[in-house]
PDB file of N, CA and C in Angstrom:
ATOM      1  N   UNK A   1     135.581  83.147  97.177  1.00  0.00           N
ATOM      2  CA  UNK A   1     134.155  83.062  97.051  1.00  0.00           C
ATOM      3  C   UNK A   1     133.786  82.663  95.619  1.00  0.00           C
ATOM      4  N   UNK A   2     134.558  83.153  94.655  1.00  0.00           N
ATOM      5  CA  UNK A   2     134.292  82.774  93.266  1.00  0.00           C
ATOM      6  C   UNK A   2     134.473  81.275  93.070  1.00  0.00           C
ATOM      7  N   UNK A   3     135.514  80.721  93.681  1.00  0.00           N
ATOM      8  CA  UNK A   3     135.813  79.299  93.553  1.00  0.00           C
ATOM      9  C   UNK A   3     134.640  78.450  94.032  1.00  0.00           C
ATOM     10  N   UNK A   4     133.910  78.927  95.020  1.00  0.00           N
ATOM     11  CA  UNK A   4     132.784  78.183  95.588  1.00  0.00           C
ATOM     12  C   UNK A   4     131.437  78.639  95.034  1.00  0.00           C
ATOM     13  N   UNK A   5     131.471  79.597  94.120  1.00  0.00           N
ATOM     14  CA  UNK A   5     130.241  80.174  93.570  1.00  0.00           C
ATOM     15  C   UNK A   5     129.321  80.688  94.669  1.00  0.00           C
ATOM     16  N   UNK A   6     129.901  81.348  95.662  1.00  0.00           N
ATOM     17  CA  UNK A   6     129.141  81.919  96.768  1.00  0.00           C
ATOM     18  C   UNK A   6     129.092  83.432  96.611  1.00  0.00           C
ATOM     19  N   UNK A   7     127.929  83.969  96.825  1.00  0.00           N
ATOM     20  CA  UNK A   7     127.752  85.411  96.808  1.00  0.00           C
ATOM     21  C   UNK A   7     127.391  85.832  98.227  1.00  0.00           C
ATOM     22  N   UNK A   8     128.352  86.363  98.938  1.00  0.00           N
ATOM     23  CA  UNK A   8     128.132  86.730 100.338  1.00  0.00           C
ATOM     24  C   UNK A   8     129.005  87.916 100.689  1.00  0.00           C
ATOM     25  N   UNK A   9     128.704  88.545 101.793  1.00  0.00           N
ATOM     26  CA  UNK A   9     129.492  89.677 102.255  1.00  0.00           C
ATOM     27  C   UNK A   9     130.664  89.192 103.100  1.00  0.00           C
ATOM     28  N   UNK A  10     131.768  89.873 102.944  1.00  0.00           N
ATOM     29  CA  UNK A  10     132.949  89.603 103.759  1.00  0.00           C
ATOM     30  C   UNK A  10     133.307  90.903 104.458  1.00  0.00           C
ATOM     31  N   UNK A  11     133.430  90.840 105.779  1.00  0.00           N
ATOM     32  CA  UNK A  11     133.788  92.020 106.563  1.00  0.00           C
ATOM     33  C   UNK A  11     135.154  91.822 107.195  1.00  0.00           C
ATOM     34  N   UNK A  12     135.954  92.864 107.157  1.00  0.00           N
ATOM     35  CA  UNK A  12     137.242  92.873 107.846  1.00  0.00           C
ATOM     36  C   UNK A  12     137.041  93.692 109.117  1.00  0.00           C
ATOM     37  N   UNK A  13     137.016  93.019 110.233  1.00  0.00           N
ATOM     38  CA  UNK A  13     136.725  93.671 111.507  1.00  0.00           C
ATOM     39  C   UNK A  13     138.038  93.968 112.226  1.00  0.00           C
ATOM     40  N   UNK A  14     138.192  95.232 112.650  1.00  0.00           N
ATOM     41  CA  UNK A  14     139.398  95.620 113.383  1.00  0.00           C
ATOM     42  C   UNK A  14     139.092  96.136 114.781  1.00  0.00           C
ATOM     43  N   UNK A  15     137.817  96.301 115.096  1.00  0.00           N
ATOM     44  CA  UNK A  15     137.407  96.786 116.410  1.00  0.00           C
ATOM     45  C   UNK A  15     137.567  95.669 117.448  1.00  0.00           C
ATOM     46  N   UNK A  16     138.458  95.879 118.422  1.00  0.00           N
ATOM     47  CA  UNK A  16     138.770  94.828 119.382  1.00  0.00           C
ATOM     48  C   UNK A  16     137.552  94.379 120.180  1.00  0.00           C
ATOM     49  N   UNK A  17     136.677  95.286 120.534  1.00  0.00           N
ATOM     50  CA  UNK A  17     135.505  94.890 121.322  1.00  0.00           C
ATOM     51  C   UNK A  17     134.588  93.976 120.514  1.00  0.00           C
ATOM     52  N   UNK A  18     134.490  94.223 119.223  1.00  0.00           N
ATOM     53  CA  UNK A  18     133.677  93.357 118.372  1.00  0.00           C
ATOM     54  C   UNK A  18     134.343  91.984 118.226  1.00  0.00           C
ATOM     55  N   UNK A  19     135.649  91.973 118.081  1.00  0.00           N
ATOM     56  CA  UNK A  19     136.395  90.717 117.978  1.00  0.00           C
ATOM     57  C   UNK A  19     136.254  89.930 119.277  1.00  0.00           C
ATOM     58  N   UNK A  20     136.416  90.599 120.389  1.00  0.00           N
ATOM     59  CA  UNK A  20     136.330  89.944 121.703  1.00  0.00           C
ATOM     60  C   UNK A  20     134.929  89.412 121.977  1.00  0.00           C
ATOM     61  N   UNK A  21     133.914  90.020 121.376  1.00  0.00           N
ATOM     62  CA  UNK A  21     132.546  89.554 121.595  1.00  0.00           C
ATOM     63  C   UNK A  21     132.346  88.120 121.097  1.00  0.00           C
ATOM     64  N   UNK A  22     133.220  87.659 120.224  1.00  0.00           N
ATOM     65  CA  UNK A  22     133.183  86.274 119.744  1.00  0.00           C
ATOM     66  C   UNK A  22     134.027  85.352 120.621  1.00  0.00           C
ATOM     67  N   UNK A  23     134.664  85.911 121.640  1.00  0.00           N
ATOM     68  CA  UNK A  23     135.529  85.120 122.499  1.00  0.00           C
ATOM     69  C   UNK A  23     136.921  84.933 121.922  1.00  0.00           C
ATOM     70  N   UNK A  24     137.229  85.682 120.892  1.00  0.00           N
ATOM     71  CA  UNK A  24     138.524  85.581 120.222  1.00  0.00           C
ATOM     72  C   UNK A  24     139.509  86.524 120.891  1.00  0.00           C
ATOM     73  N   UNK A  25     140.617  85.976 121.356  1.00  0.00           N
ATOM     74  CA  UNK A  25     141.648  86.795 121.980  1.00  0.00           C
ATOM     75  C   UNK A  25     142.938  86.801 121.152  1.00  0.00           C
ATOM     76  N   UNK A  26     142.987  85.980 120.107  1.00  0.00           N
ATOM     77  CA  UNK A  26     144.149  85.888 119.238  1.00  0.00           C
ATOM     78  C   UNK A  26     143.684  86.025 117.795  1.00  0.00           C
ATOM     79  N   UNK A  27     144.298  86.951 117.080  1.00  0.00           N
ATOM     80  CA  UNK A  27     143.948  87.139 115.680  1.00  0.00           C
ATOM     81  C   UNK A  27     145.077  86.628 114.802  1.00  0.00           C
ATOM     82  N   UNK A  28     144.830  86.379 113.542  1.00  0.00           N
ATOM     83  CA  UNK A  28     143.584  86.584 112.818  1.00  0.00           C
ATOM     84  C   UNK A  28     142.551  85.527 113.191  1.00  0.00           C
ATOM     85  N   UNK A  29     141.301  85.839 112.879  1.00  0.00           N
ATOM     86  CA  UNK A  29     140.215  84.901 113.136  1.00  0.00           C
ATOM     87  C   UNK A  29     139.274  84.889 111.943  1.00  0.00           C
ATOM     88  N   UNK A  30     138.593  83.775 111.774  1.00  0.00           N
ATOM     89  CA  UNK A  30     137.598  83.643 110.724  1.00  0.00           C
ATOM     90  C   UNK A  30     136.287  83.247 111.382  1.00  0.00           C
ATOM     91  N   UNK A  31     135.262  84.061 111.170  1.00  0.00           N
ATOM     92  CA  UNK A  31     133.931  83.799 111.709  1.00  0.00           C
ATOM     93  C   UNK A  31     133.004  83.577 110.523  1.00  0.00           C
ATOM     94  N   UNK A  32     132.307  82.450 110.538  1.00  0.00           N
ATOM     95  CA  UNK A  32     131.377  82.113 109.462  1.00  0.00           C
ATOM     96  C   UNK A  32     129.993  81.966 110.074  1.00  0.00           C
ATOM     97  N   UNK A  33     129.069  82.754 109.590  1.00  0.00           N
ATOM     98  CA  UNK A  33     127.687  82.711 110.074  1.00  0.00           C
ATOM     99  C   UNK A  33     127.609  82.850 111.591  1.00  0.00           C
ATOM    100  N   UNK A  34     128.430  83.743 112.146  1.00  0.00           N
ATOM    101  CA  UNK A  34     128.385  84.035 113.573  1.00  0.00           C
ATOM    102  C   UNK A  34     129.124  83.056 114.458  1.00  0.00           C
ATOM    103  N   UNK A  35     129.792  82.064 113.861  1.00  0.00           N
ATOM    104  CA  UNK A  35     130.534  81.067 114.646  1.00  0.00           C
ATOM    105  C   UNK A  35     132.015  81.144 114.293  1.00  0.00           C
ATOM    106  N   UNK A  36     132.858  81.090 115.307  1.00  0.00           N
ATOM    107  CA  UNK A  36     134.300  81.143 115.092  1.00  0.00           C
ATOM    108  C   UNK A  36     134.747  79.831 114.447  1.00  0.00           C
ATOM    109  N   UNK A  37     135.318  79.935 113.256  1.00  0.00           N
ATOM    110  CA  UNK A  37     135.784  78.752 112.531  1.00  0.00           C
ATOM    111  C   UNK A  37     137.281  78.538 112.716  1.00  0.00           C
ATOM    112  N   UNK A  38     138.012  79.619 112.970  1.00  0.00           N
ATOM    113  CA  UNK A  38     139.458  79.524 113.141  1.00  0.00           C
ATOM    114  C   UNK A  38     139.956  80.800 113.806  1.00  0.00           C
ATOM    115  N   UNK A  39     141.009  80.674 114.588  1.00  0.00           N
ATOM    116  CA  UNK A  39     141.651  81.856 115.144  1.00  0.00           C
ATOM    117  C   UNK A  39     143.108  81.556 115.467  1.00  0.00           C
ATOM    118  N   UNK A  40     143.921  82.601 115.473  1.00  0.00           N
ATOM    119  CA  UNK A  40     145.319  82.476 115.859  1.00  0.00           C
ATOM    120  C   UNK A  40     146.248  81.952 114.802  1.00  0.00           C
ATOM    121  N   UNK A  41     145.763  81.825 113.562  1.00  0.00           N
ATOM    122  CA  UNK A  41     146.643  81.322 112.512  1.00  0.00           C
ATOM    123  C   UNK A  41     146.206  81.882 111.169  1.00  0.00           C
ATOM    124  N   UNK A  42     147.188  82.141 110.317  1.00  0.00           N
ATOM    125  CA  UNK A  42     146.890  82.592 108.958  1.00  0.00           C
ATOM    126  C   UNK A  42     146.568  81.348 108.139  1.00  0.00           C
ATOM    127  N   UNK A  43     145.364  81.312 107.612  1.00  0.00           N
ATOM    128  CA  UNK A  43     144.908  80.139 106.867  1.00  0.00           C
ATOM    129  C   UNK A  43     145.339  80.216 105.410  1.00  0.00           C
ATOM    130  N   UNK A  44     145.595  79.052 104.839  1.00  0.00           N
ATOM    131  CA  UNK A  44     145.844  78.961 103.407  1.00  0.00           C
ATOM    132  C   UNK A  44     144.494  78.976 102.710  1.00  0.00           C
ATOM    133  N   UNK A  45     144.499  79.326 101.439  1.00  0.00           N
ATOM    134  CA  UNK A  45     143.263  79.403 100.668  1.00  0.00           C
ATOM    135  C   UNK A  45     142.487  78.091 100.740  1.00  0.00           C
ATOM    136  N   UNK A  46     143.184  76.975 100.631  1.00  0.00           N
ATOM    137  CA  UNK A  46     142.523  75.673 100.657  1.00  0.00           C
ATOM    138  C   UNK A  46     141.824  75.435 101.997  1.00  0.00           C
ATOM    139  N   UNK A  47     142.433  75.904 103.081  1.00  0.00           N
ATOM    140  CA  UNK A  47     141.838  75.742 104.406  1.00  0.00           C
ATOM    141  C   UNK A  47     140.557  76.566 104.538  1.00  0.00           C
ATOM    142  N   UNK A  48     140.583  77.776 104.004  1.00  0.00           N
ATOM    143  CA  UNK A  48     139.398  78.628 104.040  1.00  0.00           C
ATOM    144  C   UNK A  48     138.275  77.985 103.232  1.00  0.00           C
ATOM    145  N   UNK A  49     138.603  77.458 102.069  1.00  0.00           N
ATOM    146  CA  UNK A  49     137.610  76.795 101.224  1.00  0.00           C
ATOM    147  C   UNK A  49     136.974  75.634 101.982  1.00  0.00           C
ATOM    148  N   UNK A  50     137.795  74.812 102.638  1.00  0.00           N
ATOM    149  CA  UNK A  50     137.273  73.666 103.390  1.00  0.00           C
ATOM    150  C   UNK A  50     136.359  74.110 104.520  1.00  0.00           C
ATOM    151  N   UNK A  51     136.744  75.148 105.236  1.00  0.00           N
ATOM    152  CA  UNK A  51     135.916  75.641 106.342  1.00  0.00           C
ATOM    153  C   UNK A  51     134.589  76.193 105.830  1.00  0.00           C
ATOM    154  N   UNK A  52     134.628  76.911 104.719  1.00  0.00           N
ATOM    155  CA  UNK A  52     133.391  77.446 104.134  1.00  0.00           C
ATOM    156  C   UNK A  52     132.484  76.323 103.647  1.00  0.00           C
ATOM    157  N   UNK A  53     133.057  75.327 103.001  1.00  0.00           N
ATOM    158  CA  UNK A  53     132.267  74.200 102.518  1.00  0.00           C
ATOM    159  C   UNK A  53     131.621  73.461 103.687  1.00  0.00           C
ATOM    160  N   UNK A  54     132.367  73.266 104.746  1.00  0.00           N
ATOM    161  CA  UNK A  54     131.846  72.564 105.916  1.00  0.00           C
ATOM    162  C   UNK A  54     130.722  73.368 106.568  1.00  0.00           C
ATOM    163  N   UNK A  55     130.905  74.674 106.666  1.00  0.00           N
ATOM    164  CA  UNK A  55     129.918  75.526 107.326  1.00  0.00           C
ATOM    165  C   UNK A  55     128.654  75.709 106.481  1.00  0.00           C
ATOM    166  N   UNK A  56     128.827  75.789 105.198  1.00  0.00           N
ATOM    167  CA  UNK A  56     127.696  76.079 104.313  1.00  0.00           C
ATOM    168  C   UNK A  56     127.107  74.836 103.652  1.00  0.00           C
ATOM    169  N   UNK A  57     127.782  73.707 103.800  1.00  0.00           N
ATOM    170  CA  UNK A  57     127.256  72.437 103.248  1.00  0.00           C
ATOM    171  C   UNK A  57     127.306  72.421 101.797  1.00  0.00           C
TER     172      UNK A  57
END
């Protein structure tokens, strides 16, 4: 978040029912602004940065 100069909350969700509510059946998953951006793979830092930039413009 520092790299992108973004000030936002990050939540680590472990409750399966909350995870499933996004339609995610394979973890880990990344949800940005209520939309699933990635699931089923551990992302590299660069990949997370790209997904955040794409989602936040």
